[in-house]
Amino acid sequence: MPNVKTLPTGGTIVKLNKTPLLGGWGREGLANLGDNTTVTTGVLLQGHEAPADGSTPAAGSSGWFTLLSAAANLAPVVEIADLPDFIRTGTAATAPITLEGVQ
């Protein structure tokens, strides 16, 4: 069974540890979008690298970037090739997103 993290809606910030897919820290994972496949516009997933002081980034930090945008006919499972240290659902996410291959 793969390591999984479920990201709730509402932008809860989740720290990722290492992923067994590459043996490194937060590098690769599969995003199971669930009911988010019906969303056609907006940001579904955002990422942020770890701040230099090791803290959790603030929700309003300018360092957040888009990992996955919604689109028509988006596949239910999407590979995220380079996961950052922190991740959260975007404002367009209407259901939790599950990441496989991460801790």
N, C-alpha and C. Protein backbone atom coordinates (compact mmCIF):
# COMPACT_ATOMS: atom_id res chain seq x y z
N MET A 1 0.84 -1.18 0.00
CA MET A 1 0.00 0.00 0.00
C MET A 1 0.89 1.25 0.00
N PRO A 2 0.59 2.17 -0.87
CA PRO A 2 1.43 3.37 -0.94
C PRO A 2 1.19 4.30 0.24
N ASN A 3 2.15 5.15 0.47
CA ASN A 3 1.97 6.20 1.47
C ASN A 3 1.04 7.25 0.88
N VAL A 4 0.10 7.73 1.67
CA VAL A 4 -0.88 8.69 1.17
C VAL A 4 -1.05 9.86 2.13
N LYS A 5 -1.45 10.99 1.58
CA LYS A 5 -1.88 12.16 2.36
C LYS A 5 -3.13 12.68 1.69
N THR A 6 -4.15 12.93 2.49
CA THR A 6 -5.37 13.53 1.96
C THR A 6 -5.38 15.00 2.32
N LEU A 7 -5.53 15.83 1.30
CA LEU A 7 -5.53 17.28 1.48
C LEU A 7 -6.97 17.76 1.54
N PRO A 8 -7.39 18.32 2.66
CA PRO A 8 -8.76 18.81 2.76
C PRO A 8 -8.95 20.09 1.95
N THR A 9 -10.19 20.41 1.66
CA THR A 9 -10.46 21.70 1.02
C THR A 9 -10.24 22.80 2.04
N GLY A 10 -10.20 24.02 1.58
CA GLY A 10 -10.03 25.14 2.49
C GLY A 10 -8.60 25.62 2.64
N GLY A 11 -7.67 25.02 1.90
CA GLY A 11 -6.30 25.52 1.91
C GLY A 11 -5.47 25.15 3.11
N THR A 12 -5.84 24.07 3.83
CA THR A 12 -5.02 23.61 4.95
C THR A 12 -3.62 23.27 4.45
N ILE A 13 -2.60 23.82 5.09
CA ILE A 13 -1.21 23.61 4.68
C ILE A 13 -0.71 22.28 5.24
N VAL A 14 -0.16 21.45 4.35
CA VAL A 14 0.33 20.13 4.73
C VAL A 14 1.81 20.03 4.38
N LYS A 15 2.62 19.59 5.37
CA LYS A 15 4.06 19.39 5.13
C LYS A 15 4.25 17.99 4.58
N LEU A 16 5.03 17.89 3.50
CA LEU A 16 5.35 16.59 2.93
C LEU A 16 6.73 16.16 3.39
N ASN A 17 6.86 14.89 3.69
CA ASN A 17 8.16 14.33 4.02
C ASN A 17 8.69 13.61 2.79
N LYS A 18 9.43 12.55 2.97
CA LYS A 18 9.98 11.88 1.79
C LYS A 18 8.91 11.06 1.07
N THR A 19 9.15 10.80 -0.19
CA THR A 19 8.25 9.97 -0.98
C THR A 19 8.99 8.70 -1.41
N PRO A 20 8.35 7.54 -1.31
CA PRO A 20 9.02 6.30 -1.68
C PRO A 20 9.17 6.12 -3.19
N LEU A 21 8.50 6.94 -4.00
CA LEU A 21 8.61 6.77 -5.44
C LEU A 21 10.01 7.07 -5.96
N LEU A 22 10.68 8.03 -5.35
CA LEU A 22 12.05 8.35 -5.76
C LEU A 22 13.05 8.23 -4.63
N GLY A 23 12.58 7.98 -3.42
CA GLY A 23 13.47 7.87 -2.30
C GLY A 23 14.00 9.20 -1.79
N GLY A 24 13.49 10.28 -2.32
CA GLY A 24 13.94 11.60 -1.91
C GLY A 24 12.90 12.29 -1.06
N TRP A 25 13.08 13.56 -0.85
CA TRP A 25 12.15 14.33 -0.04
C TRP A 25 11.14 15.05 -0.92
N GLY A 26 9.87 14.70 -0.77
CA GLY A 26 8.79 15.40 -1.45
C GLY A 26 9.01 15.60 -2.93
N ARG A 27 9.29 14.57 -3.67
CA ARG A 27 9.63 14.75 -5.07
C ARG A 27 8.53 14.36 -6.05
N GLU A 28 7.85 13.27 -5.85
CA GLU A 28 6.93 12.78 -6.86
C GLU A 28 5.72 12.14 -6.20
N GLY A 29 4.56 12.34 -6.78
CA GLY A 29 3.36 11.73 -6.24
C GLY A 29 2.25 11.71 -7.27
N LEU A 30 1.22 10.94 -6.96
CA LEU A 30 0.03 10.87 -7.80
C LEU A 30 -1.11 11.57 -7.08
N ALA A 31 -1.75 12.50 -7.75
CA ALA A 31 -2.88 13.22 -7.17
C ALA A 31 -4.17 12.58 -7.64
N ASN A 32 -4.92 11.99 -6.71
CA ASN A 32 -6.25 11.46 -7.00
C ASN A 32 -7.23 12.59 -6.76
N LEU A 33 -7.83 13.08 -7.83
CA LEU A 33 -8.63 14.30 -7.75
C LEU A 33 -10.05 14.09 -7.24
N GLY A 34 -10.54 12.87 -7.25
CA GLY A 34 -11.90 12.62 -6.77
C GLY A 34 -12.91 13.46 -7.54
N ASP A 35 -13.82 14.11 -6.82
CA ASP A 35 -14.87 14.91 -7.45
C ASP A 35 -14.35 16.19 -8.09
N ASN A 36 -13.09 16.51 -7.93
CA ASN A 36 -12.53 17.72 -8.54
C ASN A 36 -12.39 17.60 -10.06
N THR A 37 -12.62 16.42 -10.63
CA THR A 37 -12.54 16.27 -12.08
C THR A 37 -13.64 17.06 -12.78
N THR A 38 -14.67 17.45 -12.05
CA THR A 38 -15.75 18.24 -12.66
C THR A 38 -15.45 19.73 -12.65
N VAL A 39 -14.41 20.14 -11.93
CA VAL A 39 -14.02 21.55 -11.88
C VAL A 39 -13.26 21.87 -13.17
N THR A 40 -13.63 22.94 -13.85
CA THR A 40 -13.01 23.23 -15.15
C THR A 40 -12.09 24.45 -15.16
N THR A 41 -12.12 25.28 -14.14
CA THR A 41 -11.22 26.43 -14.09
C THR A 41 -10.74 26.65 -12.66
N GLY A 42 -9.60 27.32 -12.53
CA GLY A 42 -9.08 27.68 -11.22
C GLY A 42 -7.94 26.78 -10.78
N VAL A 43 -7.42 27.07 -9.60
CA VAL A 43 -6.27 26.36 -9.05
C VAL A 43 -6.74 25.24 -8.13
N LEU A 44 -6.27 24.02 -8.39
CA LEU A 44 -6.61 22.87 -7.56
C LEU A 44 -5.55 22.59 -6.49
N LEU A 45 -4.28 22.71 -6.85
CA LEU A 45 -3.19 22.44 -5.90
C LEU A 45 -2.15 23.54 -5.97
N GLN A 46 -1.64 23.92 -4.79
CA GLN A 46 -0.56 24.90 -4.70
C GLN A 46 0.57 24.31 -3.87
N GLY A 47 1.79 24.76 -4.14
CA GLY A 47 2.95 24.31 -3.40
C GLY A 47 3.80 25.47 -2.92
N HIS A 48 4.67 25.17 -1.96
CA HIS A 48 5.57 26.19 -1.39
C HIS A 48 6.81 25.47 -0.90
N GLU A 49 7.97 25.98 -1.24
CA GLU A 49 9.22 25.43 -0.70
C GLU A 49 9.34 25.81 0.77
N ALA A 50 10.14 25.06 1.52
CA ALA A 50 10.32 25.34 2.94
C ALA A 50 11.06 26.67 3.12
N PRO A 51 10.56 27.54 4.00
CA PRO A 51 11.29 28.78 4.30
C PRO A 51 12.66 28.46 4.90
N ALA A 52 13.59 29.36 4.74
CA ALA A 52 14.97 29.16 5.21
C ALA A 52 15.04 28.88 6.71
N ASP A 53 14.10 29.45 7.48
CA ASP A 53 14.13 29.24 8.93
C ASP A 53 13.45 27.95 9.37
N GLY A 54 12.95 27.15 8.40
CA GLY A 54 12.34 25.87 8.72
C GLY A 54 10.90 25.94 9.16
N SER A 55 10.32 27.13 9.17
CA SER A 55 8.94 27.28 9.62
C SER A 55 7.96 26.87 8.52
N THR A 56 6.69 26.79 8.89
CA THR A 56 5.62 26.57 7.92
C THR A 56 5.31 27.90 7.25
N PRO A 57 5.20 27.92 5.93
CA PRO A 57 4.90 29.19 5.26
C PRO A 57 3.51 29.71 5.62
N ALA A 58 3.38 31.01 5.65
CA ALA A 58 2.09 31.63 5.95
C ALA A 58 1.14 31.43 4.78
N ALA A 59 -0.14 31.39 5.07
CA ALA A 59 -1.15 31.23 4.01
C ALA A 59 -1.06 32.34 2.98
N GLY A 60 -0.70 33.54 3.39
CA GLY A 60 -0.63 34.68 2.48
C GLY A 60 0.74 34.92 1.88
N SER A 61 1.67 33.98 2.07
CA SER A 61 3.03 34.15 1.54
C SER A 61 3.02 34.25 0.02
N SER A 62 3.92 35.07 -0.51
CA SER A 62 4.04 35.21 -1.96
C SER A 62 4.75 34.01 -2.59
N GLY A 63 5.24 33.09 -1.78
CA GLY A 63 5.96 31.92 -2.29
C GLY A 63 5.08 30.79 -2.78
N TRP A 64 3.77 30.87 -2.58
CA TRP A 64 2.87 29.83 -3.05
C TRP A 64 2.80 29.87 -4.57
N PHE A 65 2.85 28.70 -5.20
CA PHE A 65 2.78 28.62 -6.66
C PHE A 65 1.82 27.50 -7.07
N THR A 66 1.33 27.60 -8.28
CA THR A 66 0.35 26.63 -8.79
C THR A 66 1.04 25.34 -9.21
N LEU A 67 0.56 24.23 -8.67
CA LEU A 67 1.02 22.90 -9.08
C LEU A 67 0.08 22.27 -10.10
N LEU A 68 -1.23 22.54 -9.94
CA LEU A 68 -2.21 21.92 -10.81
C LEU A 68 -3.41 22.84 -10.97
N SER A 69 -3.72 23.15 -12.21
CA SER A 69 -4.90 23.95 -12.52
C SER A 69 -5.99 23.04 -13.05
N ALA A 70 -7.23 23.40 -12.78
CA ALA A 70 -8.38 22.65 -13.29
C ALA A 70 -8.50 22.88 -14.78
N ALA A 71 -9.05 21.90 -15.47
CA ALA A 71 -9.27 22.00 -16.91
C ALA A 71 -10.36 21.02 -17.30
N ALA A 72 -11.03 21.30 -18.39
CA ALA A 72 -12.03 20.36 -18.89
C ALA A 72 -11.34 19.04 -19.22
N ASN A 73 -11.99 17.94 -18.92
CA ASN A 73 -11.48 16.59 -19.22
C ASN A 73 -10.18 16.26 -18.50
N LEU A 74 -9.97 16.81 -17.31
CA LEU A 74 -8.79 16.48 -16.53
C LEU A 74 -8.89 15.03 -16.05
N ALA A 75 -7.81 14.28 -16.17
CA ALA A 75 -7.80 12.88 -15.75
C ALA A 75 -8.04 12.78 -14.25
N PRO A 76 -8.64 11.68 -13.77
CA PRO A 76 -8.91 11.54 -12.34
C PRO A 76 -7.65 11.36 -11.49
N VAL A 77 -6.56 10.90 -12.12
CA VAL A 77 -5.28 10.75 -11.43
C VAL A 77 -4.23 11.49 -12.25
N VAL A 78 -3.50 12.38 -11.58
CA VAL A 78 -2.50 13.20 -12.26
C VAL A 78 -1.17 13.05 -11.53
N GLU A 79 -0.09 12.81 -12.27
CA GLU A 79 1.23 12.73 -11.66
C GLU A 79 1.77 14.13 -11.44
N ILE A 80 2.26 14.37 -10.23
CA ILE A 80 2.94 15.62 -9.90
C ILE A 80 4.42 15.25 -9.80
N ALA A 81 5.21 15.70 -10.76
CA ALA A 81 6.59 15.23 -10.89
C ALA A 81 7.55 15.83 -9.88
N ASP A 82 7.27 16.99 -9.35
CA ASP A 82 8.22 17.62 -8.43
C ASP A 82 7.47 18.31 -7.31
N LEU A 83 7.12 17.54 -6.30
CA LEU A 83 6.38 18.10 -5.17
C LEU A 83 7.29 18.95 -4.29
N PRO A 84 6.79 20.08 -3.82
CA PRO A 84 7.57 20.92 -2.91
C PRO A 84 7.44 20.42 -1.47
N ASP A 85 8.00 21.17 -0.54
CA ASP A 85 7.96 20.78 0.87
C ASP A 85 6.58 20.92 1.49
N PHE A 86 5.82 21.92 1.05
CA PHE A 86 4.47 22.16 1.58
C PHE A 86 3.48 22.20 0.43
N ILE A 87 2.25 21.77 0.70
CA ILE A 87 1.23 21.72 -0.34
C ILE A 87 -0.12 22.03 0.30
N ARG A 88 -1.04 22.55 -0.50
CA ARG A 88 -2.40 22.81 -0.04
C ARG A 88 -3.35 22.79 -1.24
N THR A 89 -4.63 22.60 -0.96
CA THR A 89 -5.61 22.68 -2.04
C THR A 89 -5.80 24.14 -2.40
N GLY A 90 -6.09 24.37 -3.68
CA GLY A 90 -6.36 25.72 -4.15
C GLY A 90 -7.82 26.09 -3.95
N THR A 91 -8.15 27.31 -4.26
CA THR A 91 -9.51 27.82 -4.03
C THR A 91 -10.55 27.14 -4.90
N ALA A 92 -10.17 26.56 -6.03
CA ALA A 92 -11.13 25.90 -6.91
C ALA A 92 -11.48 24.48 -6.47
N ALA A 93 -10.69 23.90 -5.56
CA ALA A 93 -10.94 22.53 -5.13
C ALA A 93 -12.25 22.45 -4.35
N THR A 94 -13.13 21.56 -4.79
CA THR A 94 -14.43 21.40 -4.14
C THR A 94 -14.51 20.13 -3.31
N ALA A 95 -13.47 19.30 -3.38
CA ALA A 95 -13.43 18.04 -2.64
C ALA A 95 -11.97 17.78 -2.26
N PRO A 96 -11.75 16.95 -1.24
CA PRO A 96 -10.37 16.62 -0.87
C PRO A 96 -9.61 15.98 -2.03
N ILE A 97 -8.31 16.15 -2.04
CA ILE A 97 -7.43 15.54 -3.03
C ILE A 97 -6.47 14.63 -2.28
N THR A 98 -6.32 13.40 -2.75
CA THR A 98 -5.44 12.44 -2.09
C THR A 98 -4.16 12.29 -2.90
N LEU A 99 -3.02 12.46 -2.22
CA LEU A 99 -1.72 12.25 -2.85
C LEU A 99 -1.19 10.88 -2.45
N GLU A 100 -0.80 10.09 -3.43
CA GLU A 100 -0.19 8.78 -3.18
C GLU A 100 1.30 8.87 -3.45
N GLY A 101 2.06 8.14 -2.65
CA GLY A 101 3.50 8.13 -2.83
C GLY A 101 4.20 9.18 -2.00
N VAL A 102 3.48 9.78 -1.05
CA VAL A 102 4.08 10.78 -0.18
C VAL A 102 3.83 10.40 1.27
N GLN A 103 4.63 10.97 2.15
CA GLN A 103 4.44 10.74 3.59
C GLN A 103 4.16 12.06 4.26
